[in-house]
Amino acid sequence: MADPGNSTNEKERIPAMQSLLENPFLLLFIGVAMPAVFYIIWGIMEIVTVPIAQ
């Protein structure tokens, strides 16, 4: 009798978070892009809050 929990002909689905954490280039891109986006938004907010000179 075959074990129902150990079927080899069915491919096991890899969770999305595991595939994300196993991709070093995607992690590198996210690690560079996220701070860049936050600093750009921060810079735009700082420029908008500067009072207009007379």
N, C-alpha and C. Protein backbone atom coordinates (compact mmCIF):
# COMPACT_ATOMS: atom_id res chain seq x y z
N MET A 1 0.84 -1.18 0.00
CA MET A 1 0.00 0.00 0.00
C MET A 1 0.89 1.25 0.00
N ALA A 2 0.57 2.20 -0.87
CA ALA A 2 1.37 3.41 -1.00
C ALA A 2 0.98 4.43 0.06
N ASP A 3 1.96 5.19 0.49
CA ASP A 3 1.72 6.23 1.49
C ASP A 3 1.08 7.43 0.80
N PRO A 4 -0.12 7.87 1.20
CA PRO A 4 -0.78 8.97 0.50
C PRO A 4 -0.08 10.32 0.70
N GLY A 5 0.67 10.48 1.76
CA GLY A 5 1.35 11.74 2.01
C GLY A 5 2.66 11.87 1.26
N ASN A 6 3.12 10.78 0.61
CA ASN A 6 4.43 10.80 -0.05
C ASN A 6 4.27 10.44 -1.53
N SER A 7 3.50 11.26 -2.26
CA SER A 7 3.32 10.98 -3.69
C SER A 7 4.41 11.71 -4.48
N THR A 8 5.10 11.00 -5.33
CA THR A 8 6.21 11.59 -6.08
C THR A 8 5.76 12.15 -7.42
N ASN A 9 4.60 11.73 -7.93
CA ASN A 9 4.17 12.22 -9.24
C ASN A 9 3.46 13.57 -9.14
N GLU A 10 3.18 14.08 -7.96
CA GLU A 10 2.57 15.39 -7.81
C GLU A 10 3.65 16.39 -7.41
N LYS A 11 3.78 17.50 -8.18
CA LYS A 11 4.78 18.52 -7.83
C LYS A 11 4.29 19.35 -6.65
N GLU A 12 5.17 19.52 -5.67
CA GLU A 12 4.81 20.32 -4.51
C GLU A 12 4.94 21.80 -4.87
N ARG A 13 3.93 22.58 -4.50
CA ARG A 13 3.92 24.01 -4.80
C ARG A 13 4.82 24.75 -3.81
N ILE A 14 5.73 25.59 -4.32
CA ILE A 14 6.62 26.36 -3.46
C ILE A 14 5.90 27.65 -3.06
N PRO A 15 5.86 27.97 -1.78
CA PRO A 15 5.19 29.21 -1.35
C PRO A 15 5.89 30.45 -1.93
N ALA A 16 5.12 31.50 -2.13
CA ALA A 16 5.63 32.73 -2.76
C ALA A 16 6.74 33.37 -1.92
N MET A 17 6.57 33.39 -0.61
CA MET A 17 7.57 34.03 0.25
C MET A 17 8.89 33.26 0.21
N GLN A 18 8.82 31.93 0.12
CA GLN A 18 10.04 31.13 0.05
C GLN A 18 10.78 31.39 -1.26
N SER A 19 10.06 31.48 -2.36
CA SER A 19 10.72 31.74 -3.64
C SER A 19 11.31 33.15 -3.67
N LEU A 20 10.66 34.10 -2.97
CA LEU A 20 11.21 35.46 -2.88
C LEU A 20 12.50 35.47 -2.09
N LEU A 21 12.53 34.77 -0.95
CA LEU A 21 13.70 34.78 -0.09
C LEU A 21 14.85 33.94 -0.64
N GLU A 22 14.58 33.07 -1.60
CA GLU A 22 15.63 32.26 -2.20
C GLU A 22 16.26 32.91 -3.42
N ASN A 23 15.78 34.08 -3.83
CA ASN A 23 16.30 34.76 -5.01
C ASN A 23 17.19 35.93 -4.56
N PRO A 24 18.53 35.77 -4.58
CA PRO A 24 19.40 36.83 -4.07
C PRO A 24 19.37 38.10 -4.91
N PHE A 25 19.17 37.98 -6.22
CA PHE A 25 19.15 39.18 -7.05
C PHE A 25 17.89 40.01 -6.81
N LEU A 26 16.78 39.35 -6.56
CA LEU A 26 15.56 40.07 -6.24
C LEU A 26 15.69 40.75 -4.88
N LEU A 27 16.31 40.08 -3.92
CA LEU A 27 16.54 40.69 -2.61
C LEU A 27 17.48 41.89 -2.73
N LEU A 28 18.50 41.79 -3.58
CA LEU A 28 19.41 42.91 -3.79
C LEU A 28 18.68 44.09 -4.41
N PHE A 29 17.84 43.81 -5.41
CA PHE A 29 17.07 44.88 -6.05
C PHE A 29 16.14 45.56 -5.06
N ILE A 30 15.44 44.76 -4.25
CA ILE A 30 14.53 45.33 -3.26
C ILE A 30 15.31 46.13 -2.22
N GLY A 31 16.48 45.63 -1.82
CA GLY A 31 17.28 46.32 -0.82
C GLY A 31 17.86 47.64 -1.31
N VAL A 32 18.02 47.79 -2.62
CA VAL A 32 18.51 49.06 -3.17
C VAL A 32 17.34 49.97 -3.54
N ALA A 33 16.28 49.40 -4.09
CA ALA A 33 15.16 50.20 -4.59
C ALA A 33 14.33 50.81 -3.46
N MET A 34 14.08 50.06 -2.40
CA MET A 34 13.23 50.58 -1.32
C MET A 34 13.84 51.82 -0.65
N PRO A 35 15.10 51.80 -0.22
CA PRO A 35 15.65 53.03 0.37
C PRO A 35 15.70 54.18 -0.64
N ALA A 36 15.98 53.88 -1.91
CA ALA A 36 16.01 54.95 -2.92
C ALA A 36 14.65 55.61 -3.04
N VAL A 37 13.60 54.83 -3.08
CA VAL A 37 12.25 55.38 -3.19
C VAL A 37 11.91 56.20 -1.95
N PHE A 38 12.26 55.69 -0.77
CA PHE A 38 11.97 56.43 0.46
C PHE A 38 12.74 57.75 0.52
N TYR A 39 14.01 57.74 0.09
CA TYR A 39 14.79 58.98 0.11
C TYR A 39 14.27 59.98 -0.91
N ILE A 40 13.80 59.51 -2.06
CA ILE A 40 13.23 60.42 -3.05
C ILE A 40 11.96 61.05 -2.51
N ILE A 41 11.10 60.23 -1.89
CA ILE A 41 9.86 60.77 -1.31
C ILE A 41 10.18 61.75 -0.18
N TRP A 42 11.17 61.41 0.64
CA TRP A 42 11.58 62.29 1.74
C TRP A 42 12.11 63.62 1.18
N GLY A 43 12.90 63.55 0.12
CA GLY A 43 13.43 64.76 -0.49
C GLY A 43 12.33 65.63 -1.08
N ILE A 44 11.36 65.03 -1.72
CA ILE A 44 10.25 65.80 -2.28
C ILE A 44 9.45 66.46 -1.16
N MET A 45 9.24 65.74 -0.06
CA MET A 45 8.52 66.33 1.08
C MET A 45 9.31 67.50 1.67
N GLU A 46 10.62 67.39 1.74
CA GLU A 46 11.44 68.49 2.26
C GLU A 46 11.39 69.70 1.34
N ILE A 47 11.44 69.49 0.03
CA ILE A 47 11.39 70.60 -0.92
C ILE A 47 10.04 71.30 -0.85
N VAL A 48 8.97 70.53 -0.70
CA VAL A 48 7.62 71.12 -0.63
C VAL A 48 7.45 71.95 0.62
N THR A 49 8.09 71.58 1.73
CA THR A 49 7.91 72.30 2.99
C THR A 49 8.79 73.54 3.10
N VAL A 50 9.69 73.79 2.16
CA VAL A 50 10.53 75.00 2.21
C VAL A 50 9.66 76.21 1.87
N PRO A 51 9.69 77.23 2.74
CA PRO A 51 8.85 78.41 2.46
C PRO A 51 9.34 79.17 1.22
N ILE A 52 8.42 79.79 0.53
CA ILE A 52 8.76 80.53 -0.69
C ILE A 52 9.36 81.88 -0.29
N ALA A 53 10.51 82.24 -0.92
CA ALA A 53 11.16 83.50 -0.62
C ALA A 53 10.41 84.65 -1.28
N GLN A 54 10.50 85.82 -0.64
CA GLN A 54 9.83 86.99 -1.18
C GLN A 54 10.73 87.79 -2.10
